[in-house]
Amino acid sequence: MALRLPGRITVERASSATGLQPVEHEILGEMASSLGEAGRRAEQALAKLAEDEAGLEGEAREKRLRAVAAAVQAYFIQRELCGMRRHDDVIREMGIPKRILARLGAR
């Protein structure tokens, strides 16, 4: 007489072989998607700042700097939520100006 394991044990073994439960896999996918979207928003805001900064003055310039700082901060927060605590490489690669970093509290 042969014994057959219940289906749920087989499923548990299969998911433990990959190391991820289906829900964990979905969560990681959403985290990656959110991180990518936040990065795109920060890049777009930085590009728009570089493009328009010479023509901006007064309140318009201040508003643009606040918007860029908010987008960069959102990206940094998303990175930290994903476990990436160091931003040095990203700052260098994206060319984030010091005046934006100063608005985030960086020294």
PDB file of N, CA and C in Angstrom:
ATOM      1  N   MET A   1       0.840  -1.164   0.000  1.00  0.00           N
ATOM      2  CA  MET A   1       0.000   0.000   0.000  1.00  0.00           C
ATOM      3  C   MET A   1       0.896   1.243   0.000  1.00  0.00           C
ATOM      4  N   ALA A   2       0.643   2.158  -0.943  1.00  0.00           N
ATOM      5  CA  ALA A   2       1.438   3.378  -1.042  1.00  0.00           C
ATOM      6  C   ALA A   2       0.714   4.517  -0.345  1.00  0.00           C
ATOM      7  N   LEU A   3       1.479   5.372   0.286  1.00  0.00           N
ATOM      8  CA  LEU A   3       0.904   6.548   0.930  1.00  0.00           C
ATOM      9  C   LEU A   3       1.085   7.759   0.030  1.00  0.00           C
ATOM     10  N   ARG A   4       0.074   8.567   0.012  1.00  0.00           N
ATOM     11  CA  ARG A   4       0.144   9.778  -0.783  1.00  0.00           C
ATOM     12  C   ARG A   4      -0.028  10.972   0.148  1.00  0.00           C
ATOM     13  N   LEU A   5       0.881  11.946   0.047  1.00  0.00           N
ATOM     14  CA  LEU A   5       0.808  13.115   0.908  1.00  0.00           C
ATOM     15  C   LEU A   5      -0.339  14.016   0.478  1.00  0.00           C
ATOM     16  N   PRO A   6      -0.944  14.699   1.440  1.00  0.00           N
ATOM     17  CA  PRO A   6      -1.999  15.657   1.084  1.00  0.00           C
ATOM     18  C   PRO A   6      -1.436  16.744   0.175  1.00  0.00           C
ATOM     19  N   GLY A   7      -2.291  17.341  -0.639  1.00  0.00           N
ATOM     20  CA  GLY A   7      -1.875  18.346  -1.605  1.00  0.00           C
ATOM     21  C   GLY A   7      -1.196  19.556  -0.983  1.00  0.00           C
ATOM     22  N   ARG A   8      -1.652  19.968   0.184  1.00  0.00           N
ATOM     23  CA  ARG A   8      -1.076  21.183   0.766  1.00  0.00           C
ATOM     24  C   ARG A   8       0.371  20.989   1.193  1.00  0.00           C
ATOM     25  N   ILE A   9       0.738  19.790   1.559  1.00  0.00           N
ATOM     26  CA  ILE A   9       2.130  19.536   1.914  1.00  0.00           C
ATOM     27  C   ILE A   9       3.006  19.644   0.671  1.00  0.00           C
ATOM     28  N   THR A  10       2.515  19.147  -0.424  1.00  0.00           N
ATOM     29  CA  THR A  10       3.257  19.242  -1.679  1.00  0.00           C
ATOM     30  C   THR A  10       3.431  20.703  -2.081  1.00  0.00           C
ATOM     31  N   VAL A  11       2.377  21.511  -1.942  1.00  0.00           N
ATOM     32  CA  VAL A  11       2.456  22.922  -2.278  1.00  0.00           C
ATOM     33  C   VAL A  11       3.442  23.632  -1.359  1.00  0.00           C
ATOM     34  N   GLU A  12       3.402  23.316  -0.064  1.00  0.00           N
ATOM     35  CA  GLU A  12       4.331  23.934   0.877  1.00  0.00           C
ATOM     36  C   GLU A  12       5.767  23.586   0.536  1.00  0.00           C
ATOM     37  N   ARG A  13       5.995  22.343   0.171  1.00  0.00           N
ATOM     38  CA  ARG A  13       7.353  21.944  -0.204  1.00  0.00           C
ATOM     39  C   ARG A  13       7.806  22.655  -1.470  1.00  0.00           C
ATOM     40  N   ALA A  14       6.919  22.800  -2.422  1.00  0.00           N
ATOM     41  CA  ALA A  14       7.273  23.468  -3.676  1.00  0.00           C
ATOM     42  C   ALA A  14       7.605  24.937  -3.428  1.00  0.00           C
ATOM     43  N   SER A  15       6.812  25.594  -2.587  1.00  0.00           N
ATOM     44  CA  SER A  15       7.078  27.015  -2.341  1.00  0.00           C
ATOM     45  C   SER A  15       8.289  27.201  -1.441  1.00  0.00           C
ATOM     46  N   SER A  16       8.582  26.246  -0.572  1.00  0.00           N
ATOM     47  CA  SER A  16       9.782  26.382   0.250  1.00  0.00           C
ATOM     48  C   SER A  16      11.037  26.129  -0.566  1.00  0.00           C
ATOM     49  N   ALA A  17      10.913  25.405  -1.682  1.00  0.00           N
ATOM     50  CA  ALA A  17      12.071  25.192  -2.549  1.00  0.00           C
ATOM     51  C   ALA A  17      12.482  26.501  -3.219  1.00  0.00           C
ATOM     52  N   THR A  18      11.508  27.343  -3.547  1.00  0.00           N
ATOM     53  CA  THR A  18      11.819  28.640  -4.145  1.00  0.00           C
ATOM     54  C   THR A  18      12.115  29.679  -3.088  1.00  0.00           C
ATOM     55  N   GLY A  19      11.695  29.444  -1.873  1.00  0.00           N
ATOM     56  CA  GLY A  19      11.934  30.384  -0.791  1.00  0.00           C
ATOM     57  C   GLY A  19      10.866  31.451  -0.653  1.00  0.00           C
ATOM     58  N   LEU A  20       9.883  31.465  -1.514  1.00  0.00           N
ATOM     59  CA  LEU A  20       8.860  32.501  -1.463  1.00  0.00           C
ATOM     60  C   LEU A  20       7.465  31.896  -1.538  1.00  0.00           C
ATOM     61  N   GLN A  21       6.614  32.400  -0.716  1.00  0.00           N
ATOM     62  CA  GLN A  21       5.207  32.064  -0.823  1.00  0.00           C
ATOM     63  C   GLN A  21       4.629  32.954  -1.919  1.00  0.00           C
ATOM     64  N   PRO A  22       3.541  32.560  -2.513  1.00  0.00           N
ATOM     65  CA  PRO A  22       2.968  33.379  -3.589  1.00  0.00           C
ATOM     66  C   PRO A  22       2.670  34.822  -3.175  1.00  0.00           C
ATOM     67  N   VAL A  23       2.209  35.022  -1.961  1.00  0.00           N
ATOM     68  CA  VAL A  23       1.903  36.375  -1.500  1.00  0.00           C
ATOM     69  C   VAL A  23       3.190  37.197  -1.359  1.00  0.00           C
ATOM     70  N   GLU A  24       4.228  36.577  -0.840  1.00  0.00           N
ATOM     71  CA  GLU A  24       5.511  37.277  -0.715  1.00  0.00           C
ATOM     72  C   GLU A  24       6.038  37.681  -2.088  1.00  0.00           C
ATOM     73  N   HIS A  25       5.871  36.809  -3.043  1.00  0.00           N
ATOM     74  CA  HIS A  25       6.303  37.102  -4.407  1.00  0.00           C
ATOM     75  C   HIS A  25       5.546  38.308  -4.962  1.00  0.00           C
ATOM     76  N   GLU A  26       4.261  38.363  -4.721  1.00  0.00           N
ATOM     77  CA  GLU A  26       3.435  39.481  -5.172  1.00  0.00           C
ATOM     78  C   GLU A  26       3.857  40.783  -4.485  1.00  0.00           C
ATOM     79  N   ILE A  27       4.135  40.719  -3.201  1.00  0.00           N
ATOM     80  CA  ILE A  27       4.566  41.903  -2.456  1.00  0.00           C
ATOM     81  C   ILE A  27       5.885  42.433  -3.010  1.00  0.00           C
ATOM     82  N   LEU A  28       6.826  41.552  -3.266  1.00  0.00           N
ATOM     83  CA  LEU A  28       8.112  41.972  -3.819  1.00  0.00           C
ATOM     84  C   LEU A  28       7.940  42.613  -5.198  1.00  0.00           C
ATOM     85  N   GLY A  29       7.027  42.083  -5.985  1.00  0.00           N
ATOM     86  CA  GLY A  29       6.746  42.678  -7.293  1.00  0.00           C
ATOM     87  C   GLY A  29       6.185  44.083  -7.165  1.00  0.00           C
ATOM     88  N   GLU A  30       5.290  44.285  -6.213  1.00  0.00           N
ATOM     89  CA  GLU A  30       4.714  45.609  -5.989  1.00  0.00           C
ATOM     90  C   GLU A  30       5.763  46.584  -5.467  1.00  0.00           C
ATOM     91  N   MET A  31       6.652  46.102  -4.598  1.00  0.00           N
ATOM     92  CA  MET A  31       7.727  46.958  -4.094  1.00  0.00           C
ATOM     93  C   MET A  31       8.638  47.407  -5.232  1.00  0.00           C
ATOM     94  N   ALA A  32       8.985  46.492  -6.108  1.00  0.00           N
ATOM     95  CA  ALA A  32       9.844  46.825  -7.245  1.00  0.00           C
ATOM     96  C   ALA A  32       9.154  47.813  -8.182  1.00  0.00           C
ATOM     97  N   SER A  33       7.886  47.616  -8.403  1.00  0.00           N
ATOM     98  CA  SER A  33       7.128  48.516  -9.261  1.00  0.00           C
ATOM     99  C   SER A  33       7.066  49.924  -8.658  1.00  0.00           C
ATOM    100  N   SER A  34       6.786  50.007  -7.372  1.00  0.00           N
ATOM    101  CA  SER A  34       6.718  51.304  -6.694  1.00  0.00           C
ATOM    102  C   SER A  34       8.071  52.006  -6.699  1.00  0.00           C
ATOM    103  N   LEU A  35       9.126  51.245  -6.500  1.00  0.00           N
ATOM    104  CA  LEU A  35      10.472  51.818  -6.513  1.00  0.00           C
ATOM    105  C   LEU A  35      10.796  52.373  -7.898  1.00  0.00           C
ATOM    106  N   GLY A  36      10.474  51.632  -8.929  1.00  0.00           N
ATOM    107  CA  GLY A  36      10.719  52.094 -10.287  1.00  0.00           C
ATOM    108  C   GLY A  36       9.932  53.347 -10.617  1.00  0.00           C
ATOM    109  N   GLU A  37       8.690  53.394 -10.207  1.00  0.00           N
ATOM    110  CA  GLU A  37       7.853  54.563 -10.474  1.00  0.00           C
ATOM    111  C   GLU A  37       8.376  55.787  -9.726  1.00  0.00           C
ATOM    112  N   ALA A  38       8.770  55.622  -8.475  1.00  0.00           N
ATOM    113  CA  ALA A  38       9.320  56.744  -7.705  1.00  0.00           C
ATOM    114  C   ALA A  38      10.618  57.240  -8.339  1.00  0.00           C
ATOM    115  N   GLY A  39      11.432  56.329  -8.836  1.00  0.00           N
ATOM    116  CA  GLY A  39      12.670  56.707  -9.504  1.00  0.00           C
ATOM    117  C   GLY A  39      12.409  57.488 -10.781  1.00  0.00           C
ATOM    118  N   ARG A  40      11.414  57.055 -11.553  1.00  0.00           N
ATOM    119  CA  ARG A  40      11.065  57.770 -12.780  1.00  0.00           C
ATOM    120  C   ARG A  40      10.564  59.186 -12.471  1.00  0.00           C
ATOM    121  N   ARG A  41       9.748  59.316 -11.428  1.00  0.00           N
ATOM    122  CA  ARG A  41       9.247  60.643 -11.057  1.00  0.00           C
ATOM    123  C   ARG A  41      10.388  61.568 -10.648  1.00  0.00           C
ATOM    124  N   ALA A  42      11.332  61.039  -9.872  1.00  0.00           N
ATOM    125  CA  ALA A  42      12.477  61.850  -9.448  1.00  0.00           C
ATOM    126  C   ALA A  42      13.322  62.257 -10.658  1.00  0.00           C
ATOM    127  N   GLU A  43      13.570  61.327 -11.562  1.00  0.00           N
ATOM    128  CA  GLU A  43      14.358  61.649 -12.759  1.00  0.00           C
ATOM    129  C   GLU A  43      13.662  62.704 -13.617  1.00  0.00           C
ATOM    130  N   GLN A  44      12.359  62.574 -13.784  1.00  0.00           N
ATOM    131  CA  GLN A  44      11.609  63.547 -14.581  1.00  0.00           C
ATOM    132  C   GLN A  44      11.643  64.930 -13.931  1.00  0.00           C
ATOM    133  N   ALA A  45      11.492  64.979 -12.618  1.00  0.00           N
ATOM    134  CA  ALA A  45      11.522  66.259 -11.912  1.00  0.00           C
ATOM    135  C   ALA A  45      12.893  66.910 -12.033  1.00  0.00           C
ATOM    136  N   LEU A  46      13.949  66.116 -11.908  1.00  0.00           N
ATOM    137  CA  LEU A  46      15.310  66.647 -12.044  1.00  0.00           C
ATOM    138  C   LEU A  46      15.570  67.146 -13.465  1.00  0.00           C
ATOM    139  N   ALA A  47      15.096  66.407 -14.455  1.00  0.00           N
ATOM    140  CA  ALA A  47      15.278  66.819 -15.842  1.00  0.00           C
ATOM    141  C   ALA A  47      14.538  68.124 -16.126  1.00  0.00           C
ATOM    142  N   LYS A  48      13.328  68.242 -15.609  1.00  0.00           N
ATOM    143  CA  LYS A  48      12.548  69.465 -15.817  1.00  0.00           C
ATOM    144  C   LYS A  48      13.221  70.649 -15.132  1.00  0.00           C
ATOM    145  N   LEU A  49      13.792  70.424 -13.963  1.00  0.00           N
ATOM    146  CA  LEU A  49      14.513  71.485 -13.266  1.00  0.00           C
ATOM    147  C   LEU A  49      15.712  71.938 -14.085  1.00  0.00           C
ATOM    148  N   ALA A  50      16.484  71.017 -14.599  1.00  0.00           N
ATOM    149  CA  ALA A  50      17.666  71.356 -15.395  1.00  0.00           C
ATOM    150  C   ALA A  50      17.274  72.104 -16.668  1.00  0.00           C
ATOM    151  N   GLU A  51      16.147  71.718 -17.228  1.00  0.00           N
ATOM    152  CA  GLU A  51      15.683  72.322 -18.480  1.00  0.00           C
ATOM    153  C   GLU A  51      15.174  73.749 -18.284  1.00  0.00           C
ATOM    154  N   ASP A  52      14.456  73.990 -17.189  1.00  0.00           N
ATOM    155  CA  ASP A  52      13.764  75.264 -16.996  1.00  0.00           C
ATOM    156  C   ASP A  52      14.416  76.208 -16.001  1.00  0.00           C
ATOM    157  N   GLU A  53      15.431  75.753 -15.303  1.00  0.00           N
ATOM    158  CA  GLU A  53      15.931  76.533 -14.168  1.00  0.00           C
ATOM    159  C   GLU A  53      16.426  77.924 -14.557  1.00  0.00           C
ATOM    160  N   ALA A  54      17.072  78.079 -15.676  1.00  0.00           N
ATOM    161  CA  ALA A  54      17.609  79.382 -16.074  1.00  0.00           C
ATOM    162  C   ALA A  54      16.503  80.419 -16.246  1.00  0.00           C
ATOM    163  N   GLY A  55      15.338  79.998 -16.679  1.00  0.00           N
ATOM    164  CA  GLY A  55      14.241  80.934 -16.914  1.00  0.00           C
ATOM    165  C   GLY A  55      13.336  81.143 -15.716  1.00  0.00           C
ATOM    166  N   LEU A  56      13.562  80.417 -14.633  1.00  0.00           N
ATOM    167  CA  LEU A  56      12.694  80.530 -13.460  1.00  0.00           C
ATOM    168  C   LEU A  56      13.245  81.559 -12.483  1.00  0.00           C
ATOM    169  N   GLU A  57      12.334  82.335 -11.907  1.00  0.00           N
ATOM    170  CA  GLU A  57      12.727  83.318 -10.903  1.00  0.00           C
ATOM    171  C   GLU A  57      11.686  83.343  -9.798  1.00  0.00           C
ATOM    172  N   GLY A  58      12.115  83.800  -8.649  1.00  0.00           N
ATOM    173  CA  GLY A  58      11.213  84.052  -7.529  1.00  0.00           C
ATOM    174  C   GLY A  58      10.401  82.843  -7.095  1.00  0.00           C
ATOM    175  N   GLU A  59       9.096  83.077  -7.025  1.00  0.00           N
ATOM    176  CA  GLU A  59       8.180  82.042  -6.515  1.00  0.00           C
ATOM    177  C   GLU A  59       8.127  80.818  -7.422  1.00  0.00           C
ATOM    178  N   ALA A  60       8.210  81.010  -8.730  1.00  0.00           N
ATOM    179  CA  ALA A  60       8.188  79.874  -9.666  1.00  0.00           C
ATOM    180  C   ALA A  60       9.395  78.969  -9.440  1.00  0.00           C
ATOM    181  N   ARG A  61      10.555  79.561  -9.226  1.00  0.00           N
ATOM    182  CA  ARG A  61      11.770  78.776  -8.962  1.00  0.00           C
ATOM    183  C   ARG A  61      11.650  78.020  -7.646  1.00  0.00           C
ATOM    184  N   GLU A  62      11.160  78.719  -6.628  1.00  0.00           N
ATOM    185  CA  GLU A  62      10.990  78.084  -5.313  1.00  0.00           C
ATOM    186  C   GLU A  62      10.005  76.916  -5.392  1.00  0.00           C
ATOM    187  N   LYS A  63       8.929  77.101  -6.120  1.00  0.00           N
ATOM    188  CA  LYS A  63       7.924  76.039  -6.282  1.00  0.00           C
ATOM    189  C   LYS A  63       8.531  74.827  -6.982  1.00  0.00           C
ATOM    190  N   ARG A  64       9.332  75.071  -8.028  1.00  0.00           N
ATOM    191  CA  ARG A  64       9.966  73.971  -8.758  1.00  0.00           C
ATOM    192  C   ARG A  64      10.960  73.224  -7.862  1.00  0.00           C
ATOM    193  N   LEU A  65      11.754  73.959  -7.089  1.00  0.00           N
ATOM    194  CA  LEU A  65      12.715  73.320  -6.183  1.00  0.00           C
ATOM    195  C   LEU A  65      12.010  72.471  -5.134  1.00  0.00           C
ATOM    196  N   ARG A  66      10.892  72.958  -4.620  1.00  0.00           N
ATOM    197  CA  ARG A  66      10.119  72.170  -3.642  1.00  0.00           C
ATOM    198  C   ARG A  66       9.578  70.892  -4.270  1.00  0.00           C
ATOM    199  N   ALA A  67       9.096  70.995  -5.506  1.00  0.00           N
ATOM    200  CA  ALA A  67       8.554  69.813  -6.198  1.00  0.00           C
ATOM    201  C   ALA A  67       9.647  68.777  -6.450  1.00  0.00           C
ATOM    202  N   VAL A  68      10.809  69.234  -6.862  1.00  0.00           N
ATOM    203  CA  VAL A  68      11.924  68.307  -7.110  1.00  0.00           C
ATOM    204  C   VAL A  68      12.362  67.655  -5.798  1.00  0.00           C
ATOM    205  N   ALA A  69      12.476  68.452  -4.751  1.00  0.00           N
ATOM    206  CA  ALA A  69      12.872  67.904  -3.449  1.00  0.00           C
ATOM    207  C   ALA A  69      11.862  66.866  -2.965  1.00  0.00           C
ATOM    208  N   ALA A  70      10.583  67.114  -3.169  1.00  0.00           N
ATOM    209  CA  ALA A  70       9.547  66.160  -2.766  1.00  0.00           C
ATOM    210  C   ALA A  70       9.665  64.855  -3.550  1.00  0.00           C
ATOM    211  N   ALA A  71       9.929  64.944  -4.847  1.00  0.00           N
ATOM    212  CA  ALA A  71      10.063  63.734  -5.672  1.00  0.00           C
ATOM    213  C   ALA A  71      11.297  62.933  -5.268  1.00  0.00           C
ATOM    214  N   VAL A  72      12.397  63.620  -5.006  1.00  0.00           N
ATOM    215  CA  VAL A  72      13.626  62.925  -4.594  1.00  0.00           C
ATOM    216  C   VAL A  72      13.434  62.300  -3.218  1.00  0.00           C
ATOM    217  N   GLN A  73      12.782  63.015  -2.318  1.00  0.00           N
ATOM    218  CA  GLN A  73      12.540  62.460  -0.982  1.00  0.00           C
ATOM    219  C   GLN A  73      11.650  61.225  -1.058  1.00  0.00           C
ATOM    220  N   ALA A  74      10.623  61.264  -1.884  1.00  0.00           N
ATOM    221  CA  ALA A  74       9.738  60.101  -2.044  1.00  0.00           C
ATOM    222  C   ALA A  74      10.528  58.900  -2.570  1.00  0.00           C
ATOM    223  N   TYR A  75      11.440  59.153  -3.497  1.00  0.00           N
ATOM    224  CA  TYR A  75      12.275  58.076  -4.031  1.00  0.00           C
ATOM    225  C   TYR A  75      13.199  57.509  -2.955  1.00  0.00           C
ATOM    226  N   PHE A  76      13.807  58.379  -2.167  1.00  0.00           N
ATOM    227  CA  PHE A  76      14.684  57.911  -1.088  1.00  0.00           C
ATOM    228  C   PHE A  76      13.896  57.085  -0.064  1.00  0.00           C
ATOM    229  N   ILE A  77      12.709  57.541   0.268  1.00  0.00           N
ATOM    230  CA  ILE A  77      11.876  56.794   1.225  1.00  0.00           C
ATOM    231  C   ILE A  77      11.521  55.423   0.665  1.00  0.00           C
ATOM    232  N   GLN A  78      11.158  55.368  -0.599  1.00  0.00           N
ATOM    233  CA  GLN A  78      10.815  54.084  -1.220  1.00  0.00           C
ATOM    234  C   GLN A  78      12.021  53.147  -1.213  1.00  0.00           C
ATOM    235  N   ARG A  79      13.207  53.696  -1.506  1.00  0.00           N
ATOM    236  CA  ARG A  79      14.428  52.886  -1.461  1.00  0.00           C
ATOM    237  C   ARG A  79      14.650  52.323  -0.060  1.00  0.00           C
ATOM    238  N   GLU A  80      14.448  53.157   0.963  1.00  0.00           N
ATOM    239  CA  GLU A  80      14.644  52.712   2.338  1.00  0.00           C
ATOM    240  C   GLU A  80      13.636  51.635   2.719  1.00  0.00           C
ATOM    241  N   LEU A  81      12.417  51.763   2.241  1.00  0.00           N
ATOM    242  CA  LEU A  81      11.408  50.734   2.505  1.00  0.00           C
ATOM    243  C   LEU A  81      11.784  49.396   1.864  1.00  0.00           C
ATOM    244  N   CYS A  82      12.546  49.454   0.795  1.00  0.00           N
ATOM    245  CA  CYS A  82      13.014  48.244   0.115  1.00  0.00           C
ATOM    246  C   CYS A  82      14.327  47.732   0.715  1.00  0.00           C
ATOM    247  N   GLY A  83      14.825  48.408   1.745  1.00  0.00           N
ATOM    248  CA  GLY A  83      16.030  47.945   2.421  1.00  0.00           C
ATOM    249  C   GLY A  83      17.320  48.579   1.917  1.00  0.00           C
ATOM    250  N   MET A  84      17.223  49.550   1.031  1.00  0.00           N
ATOM    251  CA  MET A  84      18.417  50.220   0.498  1.00  0.00           C
ATOM    252  C   MET A  84      18.636  51.511   1.276  1.00  0.00           C
ATOM    253  N   ARG A  85      19.555  51.484   2.195  1.00  0.00           N
ATOM    254  CA  ARG A  85      19.749  52.612   3.102  1.00  0.00           C
ATOM    255  C   ARG A  85      20.747  53.652   2.596  1.00  0.00           C
ATOM    256  N   ARG A  86      21.651  53.282   1.736  1.00  0.00           N
ATOM    257  CA  ARG A  86      22.672  54.199   1.250  1.00  0.00           C
ATOM    258  C   ARG A  86      22.247  54.774  -0.100  1.00  0.00           C
ATOM    259  N   HIS A  87      22.350  56.083  -0.216  1.00  0.00           N
ATOM    260  CA  HIS A  87      21.895  56.755  -1.424  1.00  0.00           C
ATOM    261  C   HIS A  87      23.033  57.405  -2.207  1.00  0.00           C
ATOM    262  N   ASP A  88      24.262  57.229  -1.773  1.00  0.00           N
ATOM    263  CA  ASP A  88      25.403  57.902  -2.402  1.00  0.00           C
ATOM    264  C   ASP A  88      25.492  57.628  -3.903  1.00  0.00           C
ATOM    265  N   ASP A  89      25.375  56.376  -4.279  1.00  0.00           N
ATOM    266  CA  ASP A  89      25.479  56.025  -5.703  1.00  0.00           C
ATOM    267  C   ASP A  89      24.345  56.634  -6.517  1.00  0.00           C
ATOM    268  N   VAL A  90      23.145  56.622  -5.970  1.00  0.00           N
ATOM    269  CA  VAL A  90      21.983  57.176  -6.664  1.00  0.00           C
ATOM    270  C   VAL A  90      22.137  58.687  -6.827  1.00  0.00           C
ATOM    271  N   ILE A  91      22.624  59.341  -5.784  1.00  0.00           N
ATOM    272  CA  ILE A  91      22.833  60.791  -5.846  1.00  0.00           C
ATOM    273  C   ILE A  91      23.811  61.125  -6.968  1.00  0.00           C
ATOM    274  N   ARG A  92      24.864  60.343  -7.057  1.00  0.00           N
ATOM    275  CA  ARG A  92      25.881  60.572  -8.084  1.00  0.00           C
ATOM    276  C   ARG A  92      25.336  60.251  -9.481  1.00  0.00           C
ATOM    277  N   GLU A  93      24.679  59.111  -9.629  1.00  0.00           N
ATOM    278  CA  GLU A  93      24.167  58.698 -10.941  1.00  0.00           C
ATOM    279  C   GLU A  93      23.083  59.625 -11.469  1.00  0.00           C
ATOM    280  N   MET A  94      22.192  60.075 -10.584  1.00  0.00           N
ATOM    281  CA  MET A  94      21.093  60.942 -11.011  1.00  0.00           C
ATOM    282  C   MET A  94      21.525  62.405 -11.080  1.00  0.00           C
ATOM    283  N   GLY A  95      22.690  62.702 -10.534  1.00  0.00           N
ATOM    284  CA  GLY A  95      23.165  64.081 -10.544  1.00  0.00           C
ATOM    285  C   GLY A  95      22.291  65.009  -9.720  1.00  0.00           C
ATOM    286  N   ILE A  96      21.896  64.551  -8.540  1.00  0.00           N
ATOM    287  CA  ILE A  96      21.023  65.355  -7.684  1.00  0.00           C
ATOM    288  C   ILE A  96      21.834  66.530  -7.130  1.00  0.00           C
ATOM    289  N   PRO A  97      21.404  67.759  -7.417  1.00  0.00           N
ATOM    290  CA  PRO A  97      22.159  68.930  -6.966  1.00  0.00           C
ATOM    291  C   PRO A  97      22.170  69.065  -5.440  1.00  0.00           C
ATOM    292  N   LYS A  98      23.220  69.691  -4.938  1.00  0.00           N
ATOM    293  CA  LYS A  98      23.350  69.876  -3.488  1.00  0.00           C
ATOM    294  C   LYS A  98      22.232  70.746  -2.928  1.00  0.00           C
ATOM    295  N   ARG A  99      21.724  71.682  -3.731  1.00  0.00           N
ATOM    296  CA  ARG A  99      20.642  72.542  -3.239  1.00  0.00           C
ATOM    297  C   ARG A  99      19.362  71.740  -3.004  1.00  0.00           C
ATOM    298  N   ILE A 100      19.181  70.653  -3.722  1.00  0.00           N
ATOM    299  CA  ILE A 100      18.032  69.768  -3.490  1.00  0.00           C
ATOM    300  C   ILE A 100      18.293  68.927  -2.247  1.00  0.00           C
ATOM    301  N   LEU A 101      19.483  68.386  -2.129  1.00  0.00           N
ATOM    302  CA  LEU A 101      19.826  67.571  -0.963  1.00  0.00           C
ATOM    303  C   LEU A 101      19.742  68.388   0.321  1.00  0.00           C
ATOM    304  N   ALA A 102      20.128  69.669   0.248  1.00  0.00           N
ATOM    305  CA  ALA A 102      20.050  70.531   1.430  1.00  0.00           C
ATOM    306  C   ALA A 102      18.609  70.690   1.888  1.00  0.00           C
ATOM    307  N   ARG A 103      17.686  70.688   0.950  1.00  0.00           N
ATOM    308  CA  ARG A 103      16.264  70.786   1.307  1.00  0.00           C
ATOM    309  C   ARG A 103      15.762  69.522   2.000  1.00  0.00           C
ATOM    310  N   LEU A 104      16.479  68.433   1.812  1.00  0.00           N
ATOM    311  CA  LEU A 104      16.118  67.168   2.450  1.00  0.00           C
ATOM    312  C   LEU A 104      16.803  67.002   3.803  1.00  0.00           C
ATOM    313  N   GLY A 105      17.641  67.969   4.169  1.00  0.00           N
ATOM    314  CA  GLY A 105      18.337  67.893   5.448  1.00  0.00           C
ATOM    315  C   GLY A 105      19.729  67.321   5.351  1.00  0.00           C
ATOM    316  N   ALA A 106      20.221  67.058   4.142  1.00  0.00           N
ATOM    317  CA  ALA A 106      21.585  66.541   3.984  1.00  0.00           C
ATOM    318  C   ALA A 106      22.572  67.672   4.198  1.00  0.00           C
ATOM    319  N   ARG A 107      23.731  67.320   4.697  1.00  0.00           N
ATOM    320  CA  ARG A 107      24.771  68.338   4.932  1.00  0.00           C
ATOM    321  C   ARG A 107      25.910  68.153   3.998  1.00  0.00           C
TER     322      ARG A 107
END
